[in-house]
Amino acid sequence: MKSVKEILEMLLEELIMYLEKSEHFDTLLMYQNKKLGDTSFLLAALLESLLKQYHIDWDEKKWIDDSLITRVTTNNDILTFEGVMIWGIIDSTEQWTDPFVFNIEILKDKKNYSDFTFLFCDMIKSEIKH
């Protein structure tokens, strides 16, 4: 399994490609994953690594499969991704979804980032079972 740093480096490369394309999103599409290349599963890998590293209450039997990105916004050098994370439990075919928001500020040189925020789950609403 890759480290948080390695996943962030891969994600940054993917996001810089997105910024260079500056492709507008089709608002008719429900999910924006196809236009974002590997971004959806890199976000999932990053979240899983962060949860396993920093949150002892994240059960080791839980795994994150992928994400569905429903909205992407840019404000100067800040990218915001919104959608749902798809997660499951090892040795089970059941999966659940929970909302997420990921913000990252990419530096002007487009070679690094200054900060990111990853919000996951809704404390009021429980996950949705699929």
N, C-alpha and C. Protein backbone atom coordinates (compact mmCIF):
# COMPACT_ATOMS: atom_id res chain seq x y z
N MET A 1 0.84 -1.18 0.00
CA MET A 1 0.00 0.00 0.00
C MET A 1 0.88 1.24 0.00
N LYS A 2 0.51 2.21 -0.80
CA LYS A 2 1.29 3.44 -0.91
C LYS A 2 1.07 4.32 0.31
N SER A 3 2.05 5.17 0.59
CA SER A 3 1.94 6.09 1.72
C SER A 3 1.04 7.27 1.33
N VAL A 4 0.61 8.02 2.34
CA VAL A 4 -0.20 9.21 2.10
C VAL A 4 0.56 10.17 1.18
N LYS A 5 1.84 10.35 1.43
CA LYS A 5 2.66 11.26 0.61
C LYS A 5 2.69 10.82 -0.86
N GLU A 6 2.88 9.52 -1.08
CA GLU A 6 2.93 9.01 -2.46
C GLU A 6 1.59 9.19 -3.17
N ILE A 7 0.51 8.93 -2.46
CA ILE A 7 -0.82 9.09 -3.07
C ILE A 7 -1.08 10.57 -3.38
N LEU A 8 -0.69 11.45 -2.46
CA LEU A 8 -0.86 12.89 -2.70
C LEU A 8 -0.07 13.34 -3.92
N GLU A 9 1.12 12.82 -4.10
CA GLU A 9 1.94 13.17 -5.27
C GLU A 9 1.25 12.72 -6.56
N MET A 10 0.71 11.51 -6.55
CA MET A 10 0.00 10.99 -7.73
C MET A 10 -1.26 11.82 -8.01
N LEU A 11 -1.99 12.15 -6.95
CA LEU A 11 -3.20 12.95 -7.09
C LEU A 11 -2.87 14.33 -7.63
N LEU A 12 -1.82 14.94 -7.12
CA LEU A 12 -1.42 16.27 -7.59
C LEU A 12 -1.10 16.24 -9.08
N GLU A 13 -0.38 15.23 -9.54
CA GLU A 13 -0.08 15.11 -10.97
C GLU A 13 -1.38 15.05 -11.79
N GLU A 14 -2.34 14.28 -11.31
CA GLU A 14 -3.62 14.14 -12.01
C GLU A 14 -4.38 15.47 -12.03
N LEU A 15 -4.37 16.18 -10.93
CA LEU A 15 -5.09 17.45 -10.84
C LEU A 15 -4.44 18.53 -11.69
N ILE A 16 -3.13 18.51 -11.77
CA ILE A 16 -2.43 19.49 -12.62
C ILE A 16 -2.79 19.25 -14.08
N MET A 17 -2.91 17.99 -14.49
CA MET A 17 -3.36 17.69 -15.86
C MET A 17 -4.75 18.27 -16.09
N TYR A 18 -5.62 18.13 -15.08
CA TYR A 18 -6.98 18.68 -15.19
C TYR A 18 -6.92 20.20 -15.35
N LEU A 19 -6.11 20.86 -14.54
CA LEU A 19 -6.01 22.32 -14.61
C LEU A 19 -5.46 22.79 -15.95
N GLU A 20 -4.50 22.04 -16.49
CA GLU A 20 -3.92 22.41 -17.78
C GLU A 20 -4.92 22.26 -18.91
N LYS A 21 -5.79 21.26 -18.82
CA LYS A 21 -6.83 21.09 -19.82
C LYS A 21 -7.89 22.17 -19.69
N SER A 22 -8.10 22.59 -18.45
CA SER A 22 -9.17 23.54 -18.09
C SER A 22 -10.46 23.23 -18.83
N GLU A 23 -10.79 21.95 -18.83
CA GLU A 23 -11.98 21.45 -19.50
C GLU A 23 -13.21 21.77 -18.67
N HIS A 24 -14.22 22.28 -19.31
CA HIS A 24 -15.46 22.55 -18.59
C HIS A 24 -16.24 21.25 -18.42
N PHE A 25 -16.96 21.17 -17.34
CA PHE A 25 -17.69 19.96 -17.05
C PHE A 25 -19.09 20.02 -17.63
N ASP A 26 -19.53 18.87 -18.07
CA ASP A 26 -20.87 18.72 -18.62
C ASP A 26 -21.84 18.62 -17.45
N THR A 27 -22.64 19.66 -17.25
CA THR A 27 -23.55 19.66 -16.11
C THR A 27 -24.67 18.66 -16.29
N LEU A 28 -24.81 18.08 -17.48
CA LEU A 28 -25.83 17.06 -17.69
C LEU A 28 -25.39 15.71 -17.15
N LEU A 29 -24.08 15.53 -17.00
CA LEU A 29 -23.58 14.27 -16.46
C LEU A 29 -23.76 14.25 -14.95
N MET A 30 -24.24 13.12 -14.44
CA MET A 30 -24.40 13.01 -12.99
C MET A 30 -23.04 12.85 -12.31
N TYR A 31 -22.14 12.09 -12.94
CA TYR A 31 -20.82 11.85 -12.36
C TYR A 31 -19.75 12.38 -13.31
N GLN A 32 -18.73 13.00 -12.73
CA GLN A 32 -17.67 13.64 -13.51
C GLN A 32 -16.40 12.77 -13.59
N ASN A 33 -16.46 11.53 -13.14
CA ASN A 33 -15.28 10.67 -13.04
C ASN A 33 -14.52 10.51 -14.36
N LYS A 34 -15.23 10.29 -15.43
CA LYS A 34 -14.57 9.99 -16.71
C LYS A 34 -13.64 11.11 -17.14
N LYS A 35 -14.04 12.35 -16.95
CA LYS A 35 -13.22 13.48 -17.37
C LYS A 35 -12.04 13.75 -16.45
N LEU A 36 -12.03 13.09 -15.29
CA LEU A 36 -10.99 13.36 -14.30
C LEU A 36 -9.94 12.27 -14.21
N GLY A 37 -9.94 11.33 -15.13
CA GLY A 37 -8.92 10.29 -15.14
C GLY A 37 -8.92 9.46 -13.88
N ASP A 38 -7.77 9.39 -13.21
CA ASP A 38 -7.60 8.55 -12.03
C ASP A 38 -8.01 9.25 -10.73
N THR A 39 -8.51 10.45 -10.81
CA THR A 39 -8.81 11.24 -9.61
C THR A 39 -9.73 10.52 -8.63
N SER A 40 -10.78 9.86 -9.13
CA SER A 40 -11.77 9.26 -8.22
C SER A 40 -11.14 8.19 -7.32
N PHE A 41 -10.35 7.30 -7.90
CA PHE A 41 -9.80 6.25 -7.04
C PHE A 41 -8.58 6.74 -6.26
N LEU A 42 -7.90 7.78 -6.73
CA LEU A 42 -6.82 8.36 -5.93
C LEU A 42 -7.39 9.06 -4.69
N LEU A 43 -8.53 9.72 -4.84
CA LEU A 43 -9.20 10.31 -3.67
C LEU A 43 -9.61 9.21 -2.68
N ALA A 44 -10.13 8.10 -3.21
CA ALA A 44 -10.52 6.98 -2.34
C ALA A 44 -9.30 6.41 -1.62
N ALA A 45 -8.21 6.23 -2.32
CA ALA A 45 -6.99 5.69 -1.71
C ALA A 45 -6.43 6.65 -0.66
N LEU A 46 -6.48 7.95 -0.95
CA LEU A 46 -6.00 8.94 0.00
C LEU A 46 -6.84 8.92 1.27
N LEU A 47 -8.15 8.91 1.11
CA LEU A 47 -9.03 8.89 2.29
C LEU A 47 -8.79 7.63 3.12
N GLU A 48 -8.71 6.48 2.47
CA GLU A 48 -8.50 5.24 3.21
C GLU A 48 -7.17 5.28 3.98
N SER A 49 -6.13 5.77 3.35
CA SER A 49 -4.82 5.87 4.02
C SER A 49 -4.88 6.82 5.20
N LEU A 50 -5.54 7.95 5.03
CA LEU A 50 -5.66 8.91 6.13
C LEU A 50 -6.46 8.33 7.29
N LEU A 51 -7.56 7.65 6.98
CA LEU A 51 -8.38 7.06 8.03
C LEU A 51 -7.62 6.00 8.81
N LYS A 52 -6.90 5.15 8.09
CA LYS A 52 -6.14 4.08 8.76
C LYS A 52 -4.97 4.63 9.57
N GLN A 53 -4.40 5.73 9.11
CA GLN A 53 -3.25 6.29 9.80
C GLN A 53 -3.64 7.14 11.01
N TYR A 54 -4.73 7.89 10.93
CA TYR A 54 -5.03 8.87 11.96
C TYR A 54 -6.28 8.62 12.79
N HIS A 55 -7.10 7.64 12.44
CA HIS A 55 -8.36 7.43 13.17
C HIS A 55 -8.46 5.98 13.63
N ILE A 56 -8.22 5.80 14.91
CA ILE A 56 -8.23 4.44 15.45
C ILE A 56 -9.63 3.84 15.44
N ASP A 57 -10.67 4.68 15.31
CA ASP A 57 -12.03 4.14 15.28
C ASP A 57 -12.44 3.66 13.88
N TRP A 58 -11.59 3.86 12.87
CA TRP A 58 -11.87 3.32 11.54
C TRP A 58 -11.47 1.85 11.56
N ASP A 59 -12.45 0.99 11.45
CA ASP A 59 -12.26 -0.46 11.55
C ASP A 59 -11.32 -0.94 10.43
N GLU A 60 -10.32 -1.71 10.79
CA GLU A 60 -9.36 -2.25 9.82
C GLU A 60 -10.01 -3.14 8.77
N LYS A 61 -11.19 -3.65 9.05
CA LYS A 61 -11.89 -4.50 8.09
C LYS A 61 -12.63 -3.70 7.03
N LYS A 62 -12.72 -2.40 7.22
CA LYS A 62 -13.38 -1.55 6.22
C LYS A 62 -12.37 -1.20 5.13
N TRP A 63 -12.87 -1.10 3.92
CA TRP A 63 -12.03 -0.70 2.80
C TRP A 63 -12.83 0.26 1.93
N ILE A 64 -12.15 1.14 1.24
CA ILE A 64 -12.80 2.10 0.36
C ILE A 64 -12.52 1.68 -1.07
N ASP A 65 -13.59 1.53 -1.84
CA ASP A 65 -13.52 1.02 -3.21
C ASP A 65 -13.19 2.13 -4.21
N ASP A 66 -13.97 3.18 -4.21
CA ASP A 66 -13.84 4.24 -5.21
C ASP A 66 -14.70 5.41 -4.77
N SER A 67 -14.73 6.45 -5.57
CA SER A 67 -15.62 7.57 -5.30
C SER A 67 -16.37 7.93 -6.58
N LEU A 68 -17.52 8.51 -6.39
CA LEU A 68 -18.30 9.06 -7.50
C LEU A 68 -18.29 10.57 -7.31
N ILE A 69 -17.71 11.27 -8.26
CA ILE A 69 -17.56 12.72 -8.16
C ILE A 69 -18.75 13.37 -8.85
N THR A 70 -19.52 14.13 -8.08
CA THR A 70 -20.73 14.74 -8.62
C THR A 70 -20.56 16.21 -8.95
N ARG A 71 -19.56 16.83 -8.35
CA ARG A 71 -19.38 18.27 -8.58
C ARG A 71 -17.91 18.64 -8.43
N VAL A 72 -17.43 19.47 -9.35
CA VAL A 72 -16.07 20.00 -9.28
C VAL A 72 -16.17 21.51 -9.46
N THR A 73 -15.54 22.25 -8.56
CA THR A 73 -15.51 23.70 -8.70
C THR A 73 -14.07 24.18 -8.53
N THR A 74 -13.77 25.28 -9.19
CA THR A 74 -12.46 25.91 -9.04
C THR A 74 -12.67 27.35 -8.61
N ASN A 75 -11.83 27.78 -7.70
CA ASN A 75 -11.84 29.17 -7.25
C ASN A 75 -10.38 29.56 -7.09
N ASN A 76 -9.88 30.32 -8.07
CA ASN A 76 -8.46 30.64 -8.16
C ASN A 76 -7.69 29.32 -8.25
N ASP A 77 -6.85 29.04 -7.28
CA ASP A 77 -6.05 27.81 -7.33
C ASP A 77 -6.60 26.74 -6.39
N ILE A 78 -7.84 26.90 -5.93
CA ILE A 78 -8.45 25.91 -5.04
C ILE A 78 -9.44 25.07 -5.84
N LEU A 79 -9.22 23.77 -5.80
CA LEU A 79 -10.14 22.82 -6.44
C LEU A 79 -10.99 22.17 -5.36
N THR A 80 -12.28 22.04 -5.62
CA THR A 80 -13.18 21.38 -4.68
C THR A 80 -13.90 20.26 -5.42
N PHE A 81 -13.86 19.07 -4.83
CA PHE A 81 -14.54 17.90 -5.36
C PHE A 81 -15.60 17.48 -4.35
N GLU A 82 -16.79 17.19 -4.85
CA GLU A 82 -17.87 16.70 -3.99
C GLU A 82 -18.42 15.43 -4.60
N GLY A 83 -18.90 14.55 -3.75
CA GLY A 83 -19.48 13.31 -4.24
C GLY A 83 -19.72 12.33 -3.12
N VAL A 84 -19.65 11.05 -3.47
CA VAL A 84 -19.82 10.00 -2.47
C VAL A 84 -18.66 9.01 -2.56
N MET A 85 -18.25 8.52 -1.41
CA MET A 85 -17.26 7.45 -1.32
C MET A 85 -18.01 6.13 -1.21
N ILE A 86 -17.50 5.13 -1.88
CA ILE A 86 -18.07 3.78 -1.83
C ILE A 86 -17.14 2.94 -0.97
N TRP A 87 -17.69 2.36 0.09
CA TRP A 87 -16.87 1.55 0.99
C TRP A 87 -17.57 0.26 1.36
N GLY A 88 -16.78 -0.69 1.83
CA GLY A 88 -17.33 -1.98 2.20
C GLY A 88 -16.57 -2.59 3.36
N ILE A 89 -16.88 -3.83 3.65
CA ILE A 89 -16.22 -4.57 4.71
C ILE A 89 -15.62 -5.83 4.09
N ILE A 90 -14.38 -6.14 4.46
CA ILE A 90 -13.69 -7.31 3.93
C ILE A 90 -14.54 -8.56 4.16
N ASP A 91 -14.52 -9.46 3.19
CA ASP A 91 -15.28 -10.72 3.21
C ASP A 91 -16.78 -10.51 3.16
N SER A 92 -17.21 -9.42 2.56
CA SER A 92 -18.63 -9.13 2.41
C SER A 92 -18.85 -8.51 1.03
N THR A 93 -19.99 -8.77 0.43
CA THR A 93 -20.29 -8.15 -0.86
C THR A 93 -21.10 -6.87 -0.69
N GLU A 94 -21.48 -6.56 0.54
CA GLU A 94 -22.24 -5.34 0.78
C GLU A 94 -21.34 -4.11 0.67
N GLN A 95 -21.94 -3.01 0.18
CA GLN A 95 -21.22 -1.75 0.11
C GLN A 95 -22.14 -0.63 0.56
N TRP A 96 -21.51 0.46 1.00
CA TRP A 96 -22.22 1.63 1.47
C TRP A 96 -21.62 2.87 0.81
N THR A 97 -22.38 3.96 0.85
CA THR A 97 -21.85 5.24 0.37
C THR A 97 -22.02 6.29 1.46
N ASP A 98 -21.08 7.20 1.50
CA ASP A 98 -21.11 8.36 2.39
C ASP A 98 -20.60 9.56 1.61
N PRO A 99 -21.13 10.74 1.91
CA PRO A 99 -20.69 11.94 1.18
C PRO A 99 -19.27 12.35 1.55
N PHE A 100 -18.63 13.06 0.62
CA PHE A 100 -17.32 13.64 0.91
C PHE A 100 -17.18 14.98 0.21
N VAL A 101 -16.28 15.79 0.73
CA VAL A 101 -15.85 17.04 0.10
C VAL A 101 -14.34 17.09 0.26
N PHE A 102 -13.64 17.37 -0.83
CA PHE A 102 -12.19 17.46 -0.81
C PHE A 102 -11.79 18.78 -1.44
N ASN A 103 -11.04 19.60 -0.69
CA ASN A 103 -10.51 20.87 -1.19
C ASN A 103 -9.00 20.79 -1.19
N ILE A 104 -8.39 21.29 -2.24
CA ILE A 104 -6.93 21.35 -2.30
C ILE A 104 -6.52 22.66 -2.97
N GLU A 105 -5.54 23.32 -2.37
CA GLU A 105 -5.01 24.55 -2.94
C GLU A 105 -3.69 24.22 -3.62
N ILE A 106 -3.67 24.42 -4.92
CA ILE A 106 -2.47 24.13 -5.70
C ILE A 106 -1.68 25.42 -5.87
N LEU A 107 -0.38 25.35 -5.64
CA LEU A 107 0.46 26.53 -5.72
C LEU A 107 0.57 27.04 -7.16
N LYS A 108 0.91 28.30 -7.29
CA LYS A 108 0.98 28.95 -8.61
C LYS A 108 1.93 28.23 -9.57
N ASP A 109 3.01 27.66 -9.04
CA ASP A 109 3.96 26.96 -9.91
C ASP A 109 3.42 25.63 -10.42
N LYS A 110 2.26 25.22 -9.90
CA LYS A 110 1.57 23.98 -10.29
C LYS A 110 2.47 22.75 -10.13
N LYS A 111 3.33 22.80 -9.11
CA LYS A 111 4.19 21.66 -8.83
C LYS A 111 3.97 21.13 -7.42
N ASN A 112 3.16 21.83 -6.63
CA ASN A 112 2.94 21.41 -5.26
C ASN A 112 1.62 21.98 -4.77
N TYR A 113 1.24 21.62 -3.57
CA TYR A 113 0.02 22.13 -2.97
C TYR A 113 0.38 22.76 -1.63
N SER A 114 -0.46 23.69 -1.16
CA SER A 114 -0.18 24.31 0.12
C SER A 114 -1.00 23.69 1.24
N ASP A 115 -2.21 23.22 0.91
CA ASP A 115 -3.07 22.68 1.95
C ASP A 115 -4.19 21.89 1.30
N PHE A 116 -4.76 20.95 2.07
CA PHE A 116 -5.96 20.26 1.62
C PHE A 116 -6.85 19.96 2.82
N THR A 117 -8.15 19.81 2.54
CA THR A 117 -9.13 19.44 3.56
C THR A 117 -9.95 18.31 2.99
N PHE A 118 -10.15 17.27 3.80
CA PHE A 118 -10.94 16.12 3.37
C PHE A 118 -12.05 15.91 4.40
N LEU A 119 -13.29 16.12 4.01
CA LEU A 119 -14.43 15.90 4.88
C LEU A 119 -15.15 14.64 4.40
N PHE A 120 -15.51 13.78 5.35
CA PHE A 120 -16.10 12.50 4.99
C PHE A 120 -17.20 12.15 5.98
N CYS A 121 -18.29 11.62 5.49
CA CYS A 121 -19.47 11.19 6.27
C CYS A 121 -20.34 12.39 6.66
N ASP A 122 -21.51 12.04 7.10
CA ASP A 122 -22.47 13.02 7.62
C ASP A 122 -22.84 12.54 9.01
N MET A 123 -22.55 13.33 10.01
CA MET A 123 -22.78 12.92 11.40
C MET A 123 -24.27 12.75 11.71
N ILE A 124 -25.13 13.40 10.94
CA ILE A 124 -26.57 13.34 11.21
C ILE A 124 -27.23 12.19 10.46
N LYS A 125 -26.86 12.04 9.18
CA LYS A 125 -27.46 10.98 8.34
C LYS A 125 -26.52 9.79 8.29
N SER A 126 -27.09 8.59 8.39
CA SER A 126 -26.25 7.40 8.31
C SER A 126 -25.93 7.08 6.84
N GLU A 127 -24.96 6.20 6.65
CA GLU A 127 -24.55 5.81 5.30
C GLU A 127 -25.72 5.15 4.57
N ILE A 128 -25.61 5.11 3.25
CA ILE A 128 -26.63 4.49 2.42
C ILE A 128 -26.11 3.13 1.98
N LYS A 129 -26.90 2.09 2.21
CA LYS A 129 -26.50 0.73 1.87
C LYS A 129 -26.90 0.42 0.43
N HIS A 130 -26.01 -0.27 -0.30
CA HIS A 130 -26.27 -0.67 -1.70
C HIS A 130 -26.19 -2.15 -1.82
